[in-house]
Amino acid sequence: MKKKMVSMLLCLAMTVGMLSGCGAKDSQGNTQSDVAGTESEDTNVSNEETEGTEGTEGTETAELTILIDGSTEGTDGYLIKQGAKGFEEKYGVKVNFVETPYAEIHQKLMTVGASGGSDFDVVFVESDFVSQMGKAGILEPLNDYEANSETLHFSDFVDSTIERNTLNGTVYAIPQVADVQTTLYNKDILEKLGFSNPPATIDEFIDYCEKASSEGYIPMAVRYNSTALPCQLMGLFLFTDGGAFVKKDGDGWKADLDNATGAKWVENVRKIFSTIPGDTLVTMDDTAMYDALNTEKAGCTIGGAWMYDALNEDIRAKMITADFPKGSGNEVALMSGWNLGIFANSKNKDLAFKFLEYKASPENAGAMTAGLSGRKDAEQYFTEAQKATYPEFQNLMQYGMGISPADFTLRSELTTAILPVFQEVTFKNDISAEDAAKMLNDVVQKTIDENQ
């Protein structure tokens, strides 16, 4: 077990720079506070046991510590901190926060968990890490808690948001923010290029890219320098053609790119990338992406509801949300986002679940989320501003999928390993698409063999 944990730590140390599909969220790292708490023997702490305990003479106030990725105004961390004030009042407890930058948060979880530390009670976990954290024993299984809860039910959430947090039938986290990503276009630029509607198919999207490039636009502005590029952003062009990075192979996994669908994916990506300026392919980051969209140098991006909040107001009014260009397979949208789980080493697990119940309630789920909450009834609680853009993303959740099946626990390793080879075979066109697909397949299989 120790050897396995050390291996996991080394893998995470290599991947802490991985950028999630979520929107840019600035965060600051603050000094960590060690908090000791009390542990209840019951599965759930009843309201009678927790409400009204604050201020009782001779009784220490219970404390809860939550690990978040920062609290810049408007982010999930900020809204969680604001919402926690109501939890403190309701249950007479004190809530503390440990703020850690996104690039370090998962490594910190693994490090503290492996050391046996109980520094946290409730933790933020990005979707691609949930199954990995569950398998490593970092997150507490939630099935028994949910079964005994009167208010928190997995069935209240869109199926895809729970499936991504499930490993072998066990749920390890609930959605904090459900990030559904698809194509977003500047409608003015579309019209200038002769499109009355957004491209509906991959072939139409490639045609759009070629026309946009010929008119001096950057056809698509995304984080080209990010590890999210191959498996998340461009991976959607594989998924909608019925392809996949991995498939089940008995009790294990097998790479699934060395085939006609994988070769076609390479061809389509090459056609799209051939319309993007070379320096943009190598260097475009968050700042450059938003600048290209806000200055109308770019006509399209792949993003979620958070993208509207990140753009200038005049550009926001010009953006439209569209279904992702369809291939020969099913309609797709990328499902990612942040989740809330209970730290397995916590000494306050019952109280931690009370916080999950509080946050997941219909009244608080949206208010404490910088985006979609993942609840099926979320639209009933949209603000007037959210009603302008959020319903389309809420609808797209039915097509939401991750970069691999939920029980594939090597997503972060896969994403990191495939990036350099993906850039090598798609930025250039000096080998056949079939050979390129085989190269990608080989690196995926190597990742599986070395880590499975």
Protein backbone atom coordinates (compact mmCIF):
# COMPACT_ATOMS: atom_id res chain seq x y z
CA MET A 1 0.00 0.00 0.00
CA LYS A 2 2.88 2.34 0.88
CA LYS A 3 4.54 1.65 -2.47
CA LYS A 4 1.27 2.34 -4.26
CA MET A 5 0.79 5.60 -2.40
CA VAL A 6 4.33 6.79 -3.15
CA SER A 7 3.75 6.00 -6.80
CA MET A 8 0.53 8.00 -6.73
CA LEU A 9 2.32 10.94 -5.14
CA LEU A 10 4.98 10.91 -7.84
CA CYS A 11 2.33 10.84 -10.56
CA LEU A 12 0.48 13.75 -9.04
CA ALA A 13 3.69 15.72 -8.58
CA MET A 14 4.14 15.52 -12.34
CA THR A 15 0.59 16.62 -13.09
CA VAL A 16 -0.14 19.40 -10.62
CA GLY A 17 0.11 21.90 -13.46
CA MET A 18 -2.74 20.30 -15.34
CA LEU A 19 -5.40 22.83 -16.23
CA SER A 20 -8.93 21.68 -15.75
CA GLY A 21 -11.69 22.29 -18.26
CA CYS A 22 -13.12 24.76 -15.79
CA GLY A 23 -12.95 28.51 -16.21
CA ALA A 24 -9.94 30.50 -15.07
CA LYS A 25 -10.08 30.92 -11.33
CA ASP A 26 -7.37 33.02 -9.71
CA SER A 27 -6.47 31.92 -6.22
CA GLN A 28 -4.01 32.79 -3.48
CA GLY A 29 -2.32 30.34 -1.15
CA ASN A 30 -2.67 31.18 2.51
CA THR A 31 -1.18 29.66 5.64
CA GLN A 32 -2.78 26.37 6.59
CA SER A 33 -4.48 26.07 9.97
CA ASP A 34 -4.52 22.81 11.87
CA VAL A 35 -7.93 22.19 13.33
CA ALA A 36 -8.92 19.50 15.80
CA GLY A 37 -12.53 18.39 15.98
CA THR A 38 -14.81 15.92 17.65
CA GLU A 39 -16.02 12.71 16.08
CA SER A 40 -19.54 11.39 16.43
CA GLU A 41 -20.23 7.68 16.51
CA ASP A 42 -23.49 8.03 14.59
CA THR A 43 -23.60 7.92 10.82
CA ASN A 44 -25.13 11.40 10.70
CA VAL A 45 -25.20 14.17 13.26
CA SER A 46 -28.82 15.03 14.02
CA ASN A 47 -30.02 18.62 14.12
CA GLU A 48 -30.64 18.25 17.82
CA GLU A 49 -27.02 17.28 18.42
CA THR A 50 -25.52 20.10 16.37
CA GLU A 51 -27.92 23.04 16.42
CA GLY A 52 -27.62 25.48 19.27
CA THR A 53 -24.32 24.16 20.66
CA GLU A 54 -22.45 27.43 20.19
CA GLY A 55 -22.07 29.53 23.27
CA THR A 56 -22.98 26.76 25.73
CA GLU A 57 -20.90 27.24 28.85
CA GLY A 58 -18.23 24.58 29.24
CA THR A 59 -18.79 23.24 25.70
CA GLU A 60 -16.26 23.85 22.95
CA THR A 61 -17.66 25.00 19.62
CA ALA A 62 -17.29 22.31 16.95
CA GLU A 63 -15.05 23.30 14.05
CA LEU A 64 -15.04 22.29 10.40
CA THR A 65 -12.13 22.84 8.00
CA ILE A 66 -12.71 23.11 4.26
CA LEU A 67 -9.98 22.93 1.60
CA ILE A 68 -10.70 25.24 -1.35
CA ASP A 69 -8.66 26.56 -4.28
CA GLY A 70 -8.95 30.24 -3.36
CA SER A 71 -11.62 32.80 -2.64
CA THR A 72 -11.35 35.49 -5.30
CA GLU A 73 -14.70 37.28 -5.50
CA GLY A 74 -17.16 35.47 -7.76
CA THR A 75 -15.36 32.10 -7.66
CA ASP A 76 -16.67 28.90 -6.11
CA GLY A 77 -14.35 29.30 -3.14
CA TYR A 78 -15.65 32.79 -2.46
CA LEU A 79 -19.29 31.69 -2.68
CA ILE A 80 -18.63 28.69 -0.44
CA LYS A 81 -17.11 31.00 2.17
CA GLN A 82 -20.10 33.33 2.01
CA GLY A 83 -22.60 30.46 2.20
CA ALA A 84 -20.77 28.88 5.11
CA LYS A 85 -21.83 31.78 7.32
CA GLY A 86 -25.38 30.47 7.20
CA PHE A 87 -24.16 26.98 8.08
CA GLU A 88 -22.31 28.37 11.09
CA GLU A 89 -25.45 30.11 12.31
CA LYS A 90 -27.70 27.11 11.73
CA TYR A 91 -25.51 24.54 13.46
CA GLY A 92 -23.57 26.69 15.93
CA VAL A 93 -20.18 25.69 14.55
CA LYS A 94 -17.10 27.47 13.28
CA VAL A 95 -15.98 26.91 9.68
CA ASN A 96 -12.31 27.40 8.79
CA PHE A 97 -10.85 27.50 5.29
CA VAL A 98 -7.52 26.40 3.87
CA GLU A 99 -6.86 28.11 0.55
CA THR A 100 -4.50 26.38 -1.86
CA PRO A 101 -3.84 27.25 -5.54
CA TYR A 102 -5.43 24.88 -8.04
CA ALA A 103 -2.06 23.59 -9.25
CA GLU A 104 -1.23 22.37 -5.73
CA ILE A 105 -4.56 21.27 -4.29
CA HIS A 106 -4.58 17.63 -5.39
CA GLN A 107 -0.98 17.03 -4.44
CA LYS A 108 -1.70 18.51 -1.02
CA LEU A 109 -4.61 16.12 -0.58
CA MET A 110 -2.47 13.12 -1.45
CA THR A 111 0.43 14.27 0.73
CA VAL A 112 -1.67 14.95 3.82
CA GLY A 113 -3.71 11.79 3.27
CA ALA A 114 -0.63 9.59 2.89
CA SER A 115 0.88 11.04 6.08
CA GLY A 116 -2.24 10.22 8.09
CA GLY A 117 -2.98 13.89 8.72
CA SER A 118 -6.51 15.06 9.49
CA ASP A 119 -6.04 18.68 8.40
CA PHE A 120 -9.30 18.87 6.42
CA ASP A 121 -12.90 17.77 6.71
CA VAL A 122 -14.52 18.88 3.43
CA VAL A 123 -12.37 19.16 0.30
CA PHE A 124 -12.55 20.48 -3.24
CA VAL A 125 -11.69 17.82 -5.86
CA GLU A 126 -11.60 18.33 -9.62
CA SER A 127 -13.63 15.78 -11.59
CA ASP A 128 -10.69 14.05 -13.27
CA PHE A 129 -9.19 13.26 -9.85
CA VAL A 130 -12.23 11.93 -7.96
CA SER A 131 -11.90 8.24 -8.88
CA GLN A 132 -8.15 8.40 -8.32
CA MET A 133 -8.64 9.93 -4.87
CA GLY A 134 -11.33 7.40 -4.04
CA LYS A 135 -9.15 4.47 -5.05
CA ALA A 136 -6.24 5.85 -3.00
CA GLY A 137 -8.42 6.13 0.11
CA ILE A 138 -8.24 9.92 0.25
CA LEU A 139 -12.01 10.45 -0.05
CA GLU A 140 -14.71 9.00 2.19
CA PRO A 141 -17.40 6.85 0.47
CA LEU A 142 -20.73 8.68 0.59
CA ASN A 143 -23.24 5.91 -0.16
CA ASP A 144 -24.11 5.10 3.46
CA TYR A 145 -24.39 8.77 4.39
CA GLU A 146 -26.74 9.41 1.47
CA ALA A 147 -28.85 6.37 2.30
CA ASN A 148 -29.47 7.75 5.80
CA SER A 149 -29.96 11.37 4.75
CA GLU A 150 -33.38 13.00 4.62
CA THR A 151 -32.25 15.83 2.35
CA LEU A 152 -29.29 14.84 0.15
CA HIS A 153 -30.13 12.35 -2.58
CA PHE A 154 -27.90 11.48 -5.52
CA SER A 155 -31.03 11.25 -7.68
CA ASP A 156 -31.53 15.03 -7.27
CA PHE A 157 -28.49 15.60 -9.49
CA VAL A 158 -28.13 15.18 -13.25
CA ASP A 159 -26.93 11.60 -13.78
CA SER A 160 -23.67 12.53 -15.51
CA THR A 161 -22.58 14.70 -12.56
CA ILE A 162 -22.83 11.76 -10.17
CA GLU A 163 -21.44 9.17 -12.58
CA ARG A 164 -18.18 11.11 -12.89
CA ASN A 165 -17.76 10.86 -9.10
CA THR A 166 -18.47 7.11 -8.91
CA LEU A 167 -16.00 4.25 -8.76
CA ASN A 168 -17.24 0.64 -8.76
CA GLY A 169 -20.67 1.74 -7.56
CA THR A 170 -19.37 3.95 -4.77
CA VAL A 171 -19.93 7.72 -4.88
CA TYR A 172 -17.07 9.78 -3.45
CA ALA A 173 -18.18 13.37 -4.03
CA ILE A 174 -21.13 15.58 -4.96
CA PRO A 175 -21.01 18.38 -7.54
CA GLN A 176 -19.82 21.77 -6.43
CA VAL A 177 -20.00 23.20 -9.93
CA ALA A 178 -20.98 21.22 -13.02
CA ASP A 179 -18.87 22.52 -15.87
CA VAL A 180 -20.45 21.62 -19.21
CA GLN A 181 -18.38 22.76 -22.18
CA THR A 182 -19.31 23.17 -25.81
CA THR A 183 -18.64 25.55 -28.69
CA LEU A 184 -19.35 29.27 -28.27
CA TYR A 185 -19.31 31.65 -31.23
CA ASN A 186 -19.21 35.38 -31.88
CA LYS A 187 -22.41 35.71 -33.90
CA ASP A 188 -21.21 38.88 -35.68
CA ILE A 189 -18.15 37.05 -37.01
CA LEU A 190 -20.27 34.07 -38.03
CA GLU A 191 -22.52 36.36 -40.06
CA LYS A 192 -19.54 38.09 -41.70
CA LEU A 193 -18.32 34.67 -42.80
CA GLY A 194 -21.69 33.80 -44.31
CA PHE A 195 -23.00 31.48 -41.58
CA SER A 196 -26.62 32.00 -40.57
CA ASN A 197 -26.26 29.27 -37.93
CA PRO A 198 -23.29 27.77 -36.04
CA PRO A 199 -21.62 24.79 -37.71
CA ALA A 200 -23.65 21.67 -36.98
CA THR A 201 -21.15 19.02 -38.11
CA ILE A 202 -17.38 18.54 -37.95
CA ASP A 203 -17.12 19.13 -41.72
CA GLU A 204 -19.03 22.40 -41.36
CA PHE A 205 -16.77 23.40 -38.47
CA ILE A 206 -13.65 22.79 -40.56
CA ASP A 207 -15.22 24.89 -43.34
CA TYR A 208 -15.87 27.64 -40.79
CA CYS A 209 -12.23 27.48 -39.62
CA GLU A 210 -10.92 27.78 -43.17
CA LYS A 211 -13.14 30.76 -43.95
CA ALA A 212 -12.32 32.49 -40.66
CA SER A 213 -8.61 32.05 -41.27
CA SER A 214 -8.85 33.42 -44.80
CA GLU A 215 -10.46 36.57 -43.40
CA GLY A 216 -7.70 37.08 -40.83
CA TYR A 217 -9.48 35.71 -37.75
CA ILE A 218 -8.22 33.12 -35.31
CA PRO A 219 -10.92 30.49 -35.93
CA MET A 220 -10.82 29.02 -32.42
CA ALA A 221 -9.24 30.49 -29.29
CA VAL A 222 -8.55 27.90 -26.57
CA ARG A 223 -5.72 27.11 -24.16
CA TYR A 224 -3.41 25.56 -26.73
CA ASN A 225 -0.54 25.44 -24.21
CA SER A 226 -2.58 23.39 -21.72
CA THR A 227 -2.60 19.68 -20.98
CA ALA A 228 -6.36 19.98 -21.40
CA LEU A 229 -5.88 20.37 -25.18
CA PRO A 230 -5.77 16.76 -26.46
CA CYS A 231 -8.08 14.85 -24.14
CA GLN A 232 -10.64 17.48 -23.15
CA LEU A 233 -10.90 20.21 -25.78
CA MET A 234 -9.95 18.38 -28.97
CA GLY A 235 -11.06 15.09 -27.48
CA LEU A 236 -14.64 16.17 -28.12
CA PHE A 237 -14.00 15.76 -31.85
CA LEU A 238 -13.05 12.14 -31.13
CA PHE A 239 -16.02 11.41 -28.86
CA THR A 240 -18.63 12.77 -31.26
CA ASP A 241 -17.27 10.42 -33.94
CA GLY A 242 -17.82 7.48 -31.61
CA GLY A 243 -14.17 7.18 -30.59
CA ALA A 244 -12.48 6.86 -27.21
CA PHE A 245 -9.03 6.98 -25.66
CA VAL A 246 -9.46 3.76 -23.69
CA LYS A 247 -11.77 0.77 -23.47
CA LYS A 248 -12.35 -2.02 -20.99
CA ASP A 249 -10.15 -5.09 -21.38
CA GLY A 250 -11.25 -7.75 -18.91
CA ASP A 251 -10.53 -6.37 -15.47
CA GLY A 252 -8.20 -3.74 -16.90
CA TRP A 253 -8.00 -1.14 -19.64
CA LYS A 254 -6.67 -0.97 -23.17
CA ALA A 255 -5.80 1.96 -25.47
CA ASP A 256 -8.37 2.51 -28.22
CA LEU A 257 -6.88 4.91 -30.78
CA ASP A 258 -5.16 2.54 -33.23
CA ASN A 259 -8.14 2.29 -35.55
CA ALA A 260 -9.97 4.13 -38.34
CA THR A 261 -11.77 6.44 -35.90
CA GLY A 262 -8.47 7.42 -34.26
CA ALA A 263 -6.92 8.16 -37.67
CA LYS A 264 -9.94 10.22 -38.69
CA TRP A 265 -9.64 12.20 -35.44
CA VAL A 266 -6.02 13.02 -36.26
CA GLU A 267 -7.03 14.14 -39.76
CA ASN A 268 -9.78 16.42 -38.46
CA VAL A 269 -7.57 17.97 -35.79
CA ARG A 270 -4.84 18.59 -38.36
CA LYS A 271 -7.31 20.37 -40.63
CA ILE A 272 -8.45 22.59 -37.75
CA PHE A 273 -4.92 23.31 -36.53
CA SER A 274 -3.76 24.16 -40.06
CA THR A 275 -5.99 27.25 -39.86
CA ILE A 276 -4.48 28.43 -36.54
CA PRO A 277 -1.33 30.62 -36.63
CA GLY A 278 1.69 28.60 -35.54
CA ASP A 279 2.69 30.86 -32.65
CA THR A 280 -0.87 30.71 -31.32
CA LEU A 281 -0.80 26.91 -31.31
CA VAL A 282 2.28 26.95 -29.11
CA THR A 283 1.73 29.90 -26.80
CA MET A 284 -1.97 30.71 -26.32
CA ASP A 285 -2.84 30.62 -22.61
CA ASP A 286 -5.79 31.96 -20.56
CA THR A 287 -4.79 35.59 -20.98
CA ALA A 288 -4.21 35.33 -24.73
CA MET A 289 -7.45 33.39 -25.19
CA TYR A 290 -9.60 35.98 -23.44
CA ASP A 291 -7.78 38.80 -25.22
CA ALA A 292 -8.44 37.23 -28.64
CA LEU A 293 -12.14 36.85 -27.83
CA ASN A 294 -12.57 40.28 -26.23
CA THR A 295 -10.84 42.05 -29.14
CA GLU A 296 -12.84 40.02 -31.69
CA LYS A 297 -9.71 38.56 -33.21
CA ALA A 298 -11.18 35.10 -32.61
CA GLY A 299 -14.58 33.83 -33.66
CA CYS A 300 -15.03 30.74 -31.50
CA THR A 301 -13.97 28.99 -28.32
CA ILE A 302 -14.79 25.87 -26.33
CA GLY A 303 -16.03 26.72 -22.86
CA GLY A 304 -18.73 26.59 -20.24
CA ALA A 305 -21.21 28.99 -18.67
CA TRP A 306 -18.33 30.64 -16.81
CA MET A 307 -16.99 31.95 -20.15
CA TYR A 308 -19.77 34.51 -20.32
CA ASP A 309 -18.77 35.89 -16.93
CA ALA A 310 -15.13 36.13 -18.00
CA LEU A 311 -15.74 38.13 -21.20
CA ASN A 312 -16.28 41.85 -21.57
CA GLU A 313 -19.92 42.89 -21.42
CA ASP A 314 -20.13 44.01 -25.06
CA ILE A 315 -18.55 40.77 -26.30
CA ARG A 316 -20.71 38.68 -23.97
CA ALA A 317 -23.79 40.05 -25.73
CA LYS A 318 -22.44 38.84 -29.07
CA MET A 319 -21.63 35.28 -27.99
CA ILE A 320 -23.99 32.38 -28.65
CA THR A 321 -23.91 28.85 -27.27
CA ALA A 322 -24.15 26.01 -29.78
CA ASP A 323 -24.29 22.23 -29.75
CA PHE A 324 -20.86 20.75 -30.34
CA PRO A 325 -20.25 19.94 -34.05
CA LYS A 326 -21.54 16.44 -34.59
CA GLY A 327 -19.64 13.53 -36.10
CA SER A 328 -20.85 10.05 -36.92
CA GLY A 329 -21.59 9.25 -33.28
CA ASN A 330 -23.75 10.82 -30.59
CA GLU A 331 -24.07 14.44 -29.58
CA VAL A 332 -21.57 15.29 -26.85
CA ALA A 333 -20.57 17.97 -24.38
CA LEU A 334 -17.55 17.92 -22.09
CA MET A 335 -18.45 17.35 -18.45
CA SER A 336 -15.93 18.52 -15.90
CA GLY A 337 -15.94 20.74 -12.83
CA TRP A 338 -15.29 20.85 -9.10
CA ASN A 339 -16.78 18.59 -6.47
CA LEU A 340 -17.08 18.42 -2.69
CA GLY A 341 -16.02 15.34 -0.80
CA ILE A 342 -15.23 14.30 2.75
CA PHE A 343 -11.56 13.84 3.59
CA ALA A 344 -11.15 10.20 4.66
CA ASN A 345 -8.87 11.14 7.58
CA SER A 346 -11.30 13.75 8.92
CA LYS A 347 -12.23 13.57 12.59
CA ASN A 348 -15.51 15.37 11.82
CA LYS A 349 -17.04 13.21 9.09
CA ASP A 350 -20.62 13.50 10.30
CA LEU A 351 -20.46 17.26 10.51
CA ALA A 352 -18.70 17.32 7.14
CA PHE A 353 -21.63 15.47 5.60
CA LYS A 354 -23.99 17.98 7.22
CA PHE A 355 -22.14 20.65 5.26
CA LEU A 356 -22.59 18.66 2.05
CA GLU A 357 -26.31 18.42 2.81
CA TYR A 358 -26.48 22.15 3.45
CA LYS A 359 -24.64 23.06 0.26
CA ALA A 360 -26.61 20.56 -1.87
CA SER A 361 -30.03 21.86 -0.82
CA PRO A 362 -32.09 23.51 -3.59
CA GLU A 363 -31.88 26.91 -1.90
CA ASN A 364 -28.09 26.87 -1.45
CA ALA A 365 -26.78 24.78 -4.36
CA GLY A 366 -26.95 27.58 -6.93
CA ALA A 367 -26.19 30.43 -4.54
CA MET A 368 -22.95 28.74 -3.43
CA THR A 369 -21.84 27.86 -6.97
CA ALA A 370 -20.08 29.94 -9.64
CA GLY A 371 -21.94 28.23 -12.46
CA LEU A 372 -24.30 25.27 -12.71
CA SER A 373 -24.92 23.36 -9.50
CA GLY A 374 -25.64 20.01 -11.18
CA ARG A 375 -29.10 19.72 -9.60
CA LYS A 376 -31.95 18.71 -11.90
CA ASP A 377 -34.09 21.57 -10.57
CA ALA A 378 -31.34 24.20 -10.93
CA GLU A 379 -33.31 26.33 -13.41
CA GLN A 380 -35.91 27.14 -10.76
CA TYR A 381 -33.20 29.03 -8.87
CA PHE A 382 -31.40 30.86 -11.70
CA THR A 383 -30.93 34.60 -11.24
CA GLU A 384 -32.22 36.92 -13.96
CA ALA A 385 -28.70 37.28 -15.34
CA GLN A 386 -28.17 33.51 -15.38
CA LYS A 387 -31.43 32.94 -17.24
CA ALA A 388 -29.86 34.56 -20.31
CA THR A 389 -27.18 31.88 -20.78
CA TYR A 390 -27.42 29.04 -18.25
CA PRO A 391 -30.47 27.09 -19.56
CA GLU A 392 -28.62 25.97 -22.69
CA PHE A 393 -25.79 24.53 -20.61
CA GLN A 394 -28.25 22.91 -18.23
CA ASN A 395 -29.81 21.14 -21.22
CA LEU A 396 -26.40 20.03 -22.53
CA MET A 397 -25.74 18.09 -19.33
CA GLN A 398 -27.73 15.18 -20.74
CA TYR A 399 -24.93 14.74 -23.29
CA GLY A 400 -22.13 15.41 -20.80
CA MET A 401 -19.19 13.00 -20.68
CA GLY A 402 -15.69 12.95 -19.28
CA ILE A 403 -12.49 12.15 -21.13
CA SER A 404 -12.85 8.50 -20.12
CA PRO A 405 -15.25 6.22 -18.23
CA ALA A 406 -15.63 7.19 -14.57
CA ASP A 407 -13.90 4.04 -13.31
CA PHE A 408 -10.74 4.71 -15.32
CA THR A 409 -8.46 6.10 -12.62
CA LEU A 410 -5.51 7.23 -14.74
CA ARG A 411 -7.03 10.32 -16.32
CA SER A 412 -4.46 12.77 -14.99
CA GLU A 413 -1.55 10.51 -16.03
CA LEU A 414 -3.10 10.01 -19.47
CA THR A 415 -3.62 13.73 -20.03
CA THR A 416 -0.03 14.56 -19.15
CA ALA A 417 1.57 11.73 -21.13
CA ILE A 418 -0.34 12.23 -24.36
CA LEU A 419 0.22 16.00 -24.77
CA PRO A 420 3.72 16.07 -26.33
CA VAL A 421 2.97 13.26 -28.77
CA PHE A 422 -0.37 14.84 -29.66
CA GLN A 423 1.37 18.13 -30.45
CA GLU A 424 4.02 16.32 -32.47
CA VAL A 425 1.55 14.49 -34.72
CA THR A 426 -1.13 17.19 -35.10
CA PHE A 427 0.90 20.41 -35.37
CA LYS A 428 2.69 18.84 -38.34
CA ASN A 429 1.57 16.60 -41.18
CA ASP A 430 4.72 14.63 -41.93
CA ILE A 431 3.44 11.13 -41.14
CA SER A 432 0.21 9.41 -42.07
CA ALA A 433 -2.85 9.80 -39.87
CA GLU A 434 -2.81 6.03 -39.32
CA ASP A 435 0.78 6.11 -38.04
CA ALA A 436 -0.03 9.14 -35.90
CA ALA A 437 -3.00 7.35 -34.34
CA LYS A 438 -0.75 4.37 -33.58
CA MET A 439 1.80 6.64 -31.89
CA LEU A 440 -0.93 8.12 -29.72
CA ASN A 441 -2.29 4.66 -28.98
CA ASP A 442 1.18 3.50 -27.91
CA VAL A 443 1.62 6.34 -25.41
CA VAL A 444 -1.84 5.68 -23.95
CA GLN A 445 -1.07 1.96 -23.62
CA LYS A 446 2.31 2.70 -22.04
CA THR A 447 0.60 4.92 -19.48
CA ILE A 448 -1.82 2.12 -18.64
CA ASP A 449 0.89 -0.53 -18.41
CA GLU A 450 3.10 1.57 -16.15
CA ASN A 451 0.34 2.62 -13.76
CA GLN A 452 -2.43 0.01 -13.81
